[in-house]
Amino acid sequence: MDEVEQMVQKHFGVETAVSGSDNNMCIYVVDPGRKEDADCIQEYLSDKAQIAQKAFTVIPIKEIPRNASGKTEYHKLSENNSSTFCSKA
């Protein structure tokens, strides 16, 4: 998951958090903008990871939840997520 976060952050320049599994990956992206941006992220990851696009769900969020020491609070991502696909991750 860390590798996917780094790939998206480096290529698209957006803050990202990833949860799930290899075949059910939720890519939380801080305000990626247009729908095309989310599609672009899915295509890019599918190409680089050689995994079907349907394995990736890109979810725009306002901010990545972090604790006092700055670590991502992954459990809060799924709590605040309306996608049933990702909330089962």
N, C-alpha and C. Protein backbone atom coordinates (compact mmCIF):
# COMPACT_ATOMS: atom_id res chain seq x y z
N MET A 1 0.82 -1.19 0.00
CA MET A 1 0.00 0.00 0.00
C MET A 1 0.87 1.26 0.00
N ASP A 2 1.96 1.21 0.75
CA ASP A 2 2.85 2.37 0.80
C ASP A 2 3.40 2.71 -0.58
N GLU A 3 3.71 1.68 -1.35
CA GLU A 3 4.24 1.89 -2.69
C GLU A 3 3.23 2.60 -3.58
N VAL A 4 1.97 2.20 -3.48
CA VAL A 4 0.91 2.83 -4.27
C VAL A 4 0.74 4.29 -3.85
N GLU A 5 0.76 4.54 -2.55
CA GLU A 5 0.67 5.93 -2.06
C GLU A 5 1.79 6.77 -2.66
N GLN A 6 3.00 6.25 -2.63
CA GLN A 6 4.15 6.99 -3.14
C GLN A 6 4.05 7.21 -4.65
N MET A 7 3.58 6.20 -5.38
CA MET A 7 3.43 6.34 -6.83
C MET A 7 2.45 7.47 -7.18
N VAL A 8 1.30 7.48 -6.51
CA VAL A 8 0.28 8.49 -6.80
C VAL A 8 0.78 9.87 -6.40
N GLN A 9 1.37 9.98 -5.21
CA GLN A 9 1.88 11.27 -4.75
C GLN A 9 2.95 11.82 -5.68
N LYS A 10 3.85 10.97 -6.11
CA LYS A 10 4.95 11.42 -6.97
C LYS A 10 4.45 11.79 -8.37
N HIS A 11 3.60 10.95 -8.95
CA HIS A 11 3.15 11.18 -10.33
C HIS A 11 2.12 12.30 -10.45
N PHE A 12 1.19 12.37 -9.49
CA PHE A 12 0.10 13.34 -9.60
C PHE A 12 0.25 14.54 -8.67
N GLY A 13 1.17 14.45 -7.71
CA GLY A 13 1.39 15.57 -6.80
C GLY A 13 0.23 15.84 -5.87
N VAL A 14 -0.48 14.78 -5.46
CA VAL A 14 -1.61 14.94 -4.54
C VAL A 14 -1.37 14.11 -3.29
N GLU A 15 -1.90 14.58 -2.17
CA GLU A 15 -1.80 13.84 -0.92
C GLU A 15 -2.73 12.63 -1.00
N THR A 16 -2.21 11.47 -0.59
CA THR A 16 -2.91 10.21 -0.81
C THR A 16 -2.78 9.28 0.39
N ALA A 17 -3.81 8.47 0.62
CA ALA A 17 -3.76 7.37 1.58
C ALA A 17 -4.43 6.17 0.92
N VAL A 18 -3.87 4.99 1.13
CA VAL A 18 -4.38 3.79 0.47
C VAL A 18 -4.70 2.73 1.52
N SER A 19 -5.85 2.08 1.36
CA SER A 19 -6.22 0.98 2.24
C SER A 19 -6.83 -0.13 1.41
N GLY A 20 -7.02 -1.28 2.02
CA GLY A 20 -7.64 -2.40 1.32
C GLY A 20 -6.67 -3.52 1.07
N SER A 21 -6.89 -4.23 -0.04
CA SER A 21 -6.04 -5.35 -0.44
C SER A 21 -5.67 -5.19 -1.91
N ASP A 22 -4.87 -6.12 -2.42
CA ASP A 22 -4.42 -6.02 -3.81
C ASP A 22 -5.56 -6.02 -4.82
N ASN A 23 -6.66 -6.68 -4.52
CA ASN A 23 -7.77 -6.72 -5.47
C ASN A 23 -8.96 -5.87 -5.05
N ASN A 24 -8.77 -5.05 -4.03
CA ASN A 24 -9.83 -4.16 -3.53
C ASN A 24 -9.16 -2.98 -2.85
N MET A 25 -8.54 -2.12 -3.65
CA MET A 25 -7.73 -1.03 -3.12
C MET A 25 -8.48 0.29 -3.18
N CYS A 26 -8.52 0.97 -2.04
CA CYS A 26 -9.19 2.26 -1.94
C CYS A 26 -8.12 3.35 -1.91
N ILE A 27 -8.16 4.22 -2.89
CA ILE A 27 -7.18 5.29 -3.02
C ILE A 27 -7.87 6.58 -2.61
N TYR A 28 -7.57 7.05 -1.41
CA TYR A 28 -8.14 8.31 -0.92
C TYR A 28 -7.23 9.44 -1.36
N VAL A 29 -7.77 10.37 -2.11
CA VAL A 29 -7.00 11.46 -2.68
C VAL A 29 -7.58 12.78 -2.23
N VAL A 30 -6.73 13.63 -1.69
CA VAL A 30 -7.19 14.93 -1.24
C VAL A 30 -7.54 15.78 -2.46
N ASP A 31 -8.85 16.04 -2.58
CA ASP A 31 -9.42 16.90 -3.62
C ASP A 31 -8.74 16.78 -4.98
N PRO A 32 -8.92 15.63 -5.67
CA PRO A 32 -8.25 15.47 -6.95
C PRO A 32 -8.84 16.32 -8.06
N GLY A 33 -9.95 17.00 -7.78
CA GLY A 33 -10.52 17.88 -8.82
C GLY A 33 -11.58 17.17 -9.63
N ARG A 34 -11.39 17.16 -10.93
CA ARG A 34 -12.39 16.62 -11.85
C ARG A 34 -12.45 15.10 -11.81
N LYS A 35 -13.55 14.54 -12.27
CA LYS A 35 -13.74 13.09 -12.39
C LYS A 35 -12.63 12.48 -13.25
N GLU A 36 -12.20 13.20 -14.27
CA GLU A 36 -11.16 12.69 -15.16
C GLU A 36 -9.87 12.41 -14.40
N ASP A 37 -9.61 13.19 -13.35
CA ASP A 37 -8.41 12.98 -12.56
C ASP A 37 -8.46 11.63 -11.85
N ALA A 38 -9.60 11.28 -11.30
CA ALA A 38 -9.76 9.98 -10.64
C ALA A 38 -9.59 8.86 -11.66
N ASP A 39 -10.17 9.02 -12.84
CA ASP A 39 -10.03 8.02 -13.90
C ASP A 39 -8.57 7.87 -14.31
N CYS A 40 -7.88 8.99 -14.39
CA CYS A 40 -6.46 9.00 -14.76
C CYS A 40 -5.63 8.24 -13.72
N ILE A 41 -5.93 8.43 -12.46
CA ILE A 41 -5.22 7.73 -11.39
C ILE A 41 -5.46 6.23 -11.51
N GLN A 42 -6.70 5.83 -11.75
CA GLN A 42 -7.01 4.41 -11.93
C GLN A 42 -6.24 3.82 -13.10
N GLU A 43 -6.24 4.50 -14.23
CA GLU A 43 -5.52 4.01 -15.42
C GLU A 43 -4.03 3.90 -15.15
N TYR A 44 -3.47 4.91 -14.52
CA TYR A 44 -2.04 4.92 -14.22
C TYR A 44 -1.67 3.73 -13.33
N LEU A 45 -2.41 3.53 -12.25
CA LEU A 45 -2.11 2.44 -11.32
C LEU A 45 -2.31 1.08 -11.97
N SER A 46 -3.35 0.95 -12.76
CA SER A 46 -3.60 -0.31 -13.45
C SER A 46 -2.44 -0.64 -14.38
N ASP A 47 -1.96 0.35 -15.10
CA ASP A 47 -0.84 0.16 -16.02
C ASP A 47 0.44 -0.20 -15.27
N LYS A 48 0.75 0.55 -14.23
CA LYS A 48 2.00 0.34 -13.48
C LYS A 48 1.98 -0.95 -12.67
N ALA A 49 0.86 -1.30 -12.06
CA ALA A 49 0.79 -2.47 -11.19
C ALA A 49 0.34 -3.73 -11.93
N GLN A 50 -0.09 -3.55 -13.18
CA GLN A 50 -0.61 -4.68 -13.97
C GLN A 50 -1.77 -5.38 -13.25
N ILE A 51 -2.65 -4.55 -12.68
CA ILE A 51 -3.86 -5.01 -12.01
C ILE A 51 -5.04 -4.32 -12.68
N ALA A 52 -6.15 -5.03 -12.82
CA ALA A 52 -7.34 -4.48 -13.47
C ALA A 52 -7.79 -3.19 -12.79
N GLN A 53 -8.27 -2.23 -13.59
CA GLN A 53 -8.73 -0.94 -13.06
C GLN A 53 -9.83 -1.11 -12.01
N LYS A 54 -10.66 -2.14 -12.15
CA LYS A 54 -11.77 -2.31 -11.20
C LYS A 54 -11.27 -2.63 -9.80
N ALA A 55 -9.99 -2.96 -9.65
CA ALA A 55 -9.43 -3.22 -8.32
C ALA A 55 -9.18 -1.93 -7.55
N PHE A 56 -9.23 -0.80 -8.24
CA PHE A 56 -8.95 0.50 -7.63
C PHE A 56 -10.21 1.35 -7.56
N THR A 57 -10.47 1.91 -6.40
CA THR A 57 -11.54 2.88 -6.25
C THR A 57 -10.90 4.17 -5.74
N VAL A 58 -11.03 5.24 -6.51
CA VAL A 58 -10.46 6.53 -6.12
C VAL A 58 -11.55 7.34 -5.44
N ILE A 59 -11.25 7.79 -4.22
CA ILE A 59 -12.23 8.51 -3.41
C ILE A 59 -11.68 9.88 -3.05
N PRO A 60 -12.31 10.95 -3.54
CA PRO A 60 -11.86 12.30 -3.16
C PRO A 60 -12.27 12.61 -1.72
N ILE A 61 -11.35 13.17 -0.96
CA ILE A 61 -11.63 13.58 0.42
C ILE A 61 -11.04 14.96 0.65
N LYS A 62 -11.50 15.62 1.70
CA LYS A 62 -11.02 16.98 1.99
C LYS A 62 -9.64 16.97 2.63
N GLU A 63 -9.39 15.97 3.50
CA GLU A 63 -8.08 15.88 4.14
C GLU A 63 -7.85 14.46 4.63
N ILE A 64 -6.60 14.10 4.76
CA ILE A 64 -6.22 12.80 5.31
C ILE A 64 -6.26 12.92 6.83
N PRO A 65 -7.04 12.07 7.52
CA PRO A 65 -7.07 12.16 8.99
C PRO A 65 -5.73 11.71 9.58
N ARG A 66 -5.20 12.52 10.49
CA ARG A 66 -3.91 12.22 11.11
C ARG A 66 -4.01 12.36 12.62
N ASN A 67 -3.16 11.60 13.33
CA ASN A 67 -3.12 11.72 14.78
C ASN A 67 -2.16 12.84 15.17
N ALA A 68 -1.95 13.03 16.44
CA ALA A 68 -1.12 14.13 16.93
C ALA A 68 0.32 14.06 16.42
N SER A 69 0.81 12.85 16.15
CA SER A 69 2.19 12.73 15.66
C SER A 69 2.28 12.75 14.14
N GLY A 70 1.14 12.97 13.47
CA GLY A 70 1.14 13.12 12.02
C GLY A 70 0.95 11.83 11.23
N LYS A 71 0.72 10.72 11.92
CA LYS A 71 0.52 9.44 11.22
C LYS A 71 -0.92 9.35 10.73
N THR A 72 -1.09 8.74 9.55
CA THR A 72 -2.42 8.57 8.96
C THR A 72 -3.27 7.64 9.82
N GLU A 73 -4.50 8.05 10.08
CA GLU A 73 -5.45 7.24 10.82
C GLU A 73 -6.35 6.52 9.81
N TYR A 74 -5.86 5.38 9.34
CA TYR A 74 -6.54 4.64 8.27
C TYR A 74 -7.95 4.21 8.66
N HIS A 75 -8.18 3.87 9.92
CA HIS A 75 -9.51 3.45 10.35
C HIS A 75 -10.54 4.57 10.16
N LYS A 76 -10.11 5.80 10.28
CA LYS A 76 -11.03 6.93 10.10
C LYS A 76 -11.40 7.13 8.63
N LEU A 77 -10.52 6.72 7.73
CA LEU A 77 -10.84 6.83 6.30
C LEU A 77 -12.06 5.98 5.97
N SER A 78 -12.08 4.74 6.42
CA SER A 78 -13.22 3.88 6.11
C SER A 78 -14.47 4.26 6.89
N GLU A 79 -14.31 4.81 8.09
CA GLU A 79 -15.46 5.26 8.88
C GLU A 79 -16.21 6.38 8.17
N ASN A 80 -15.47 7.26 7.52
CA ASN A 80 -16.07 8.43 6.87
C ASN A 80 -16.34 8.21 5.39
N ASN A 81 -16.24 6.99 4.94
CA ASN A 81 -16.37 6.68 3.53
C ASN A 81 -17.76 6.15 3.22
N SER A 82 -18.37 6.68 2.19
CA SER A 82 -19.71 6.24 1.82
C SER A 82 -19.69 5.09 0.81
N SER A 83 -18.51 4.71 0.32
CA SER A 83 -18.41 3.62 -0.67
C SER A 83 -18.43 2.27 0.04
N THR A 84 -19.44 1.44 -0.26
CA THR A 84 -19.49 0.12 0.35
C THR A 84 -18.34 -0.74 -0.15
N PHE A 85 -17.87 -0.49 -1.35
CA PHE A 85 -16.74 -1.23 -1.90
C PHE A 85 -15.53 -1.10 -0.99
N CYS A 86 -15.26 0.11 -0.53
CA CYS A 86 -14.09 0.35 0.28
C CYS A 86 -14.33 0.14 1.76
N SER A 87 -15.52 0.30 2.22
CA SER A 87 -15.76 0.15 3.66
C SER A 87 -15.62 -1.30 4.11
N LYS A 88 -15.62 -2.23 3.17
CA LYS A 88 -15.42 -3.64 3.50
C LYS A 88 -13.95 -4.01 3.52
N ALA A 89 -13.08 -3.09 3.12
CA ALA A 89 -11.66 -3.38 3.00
C ALA A 89 -11.02 -3.64 4.33
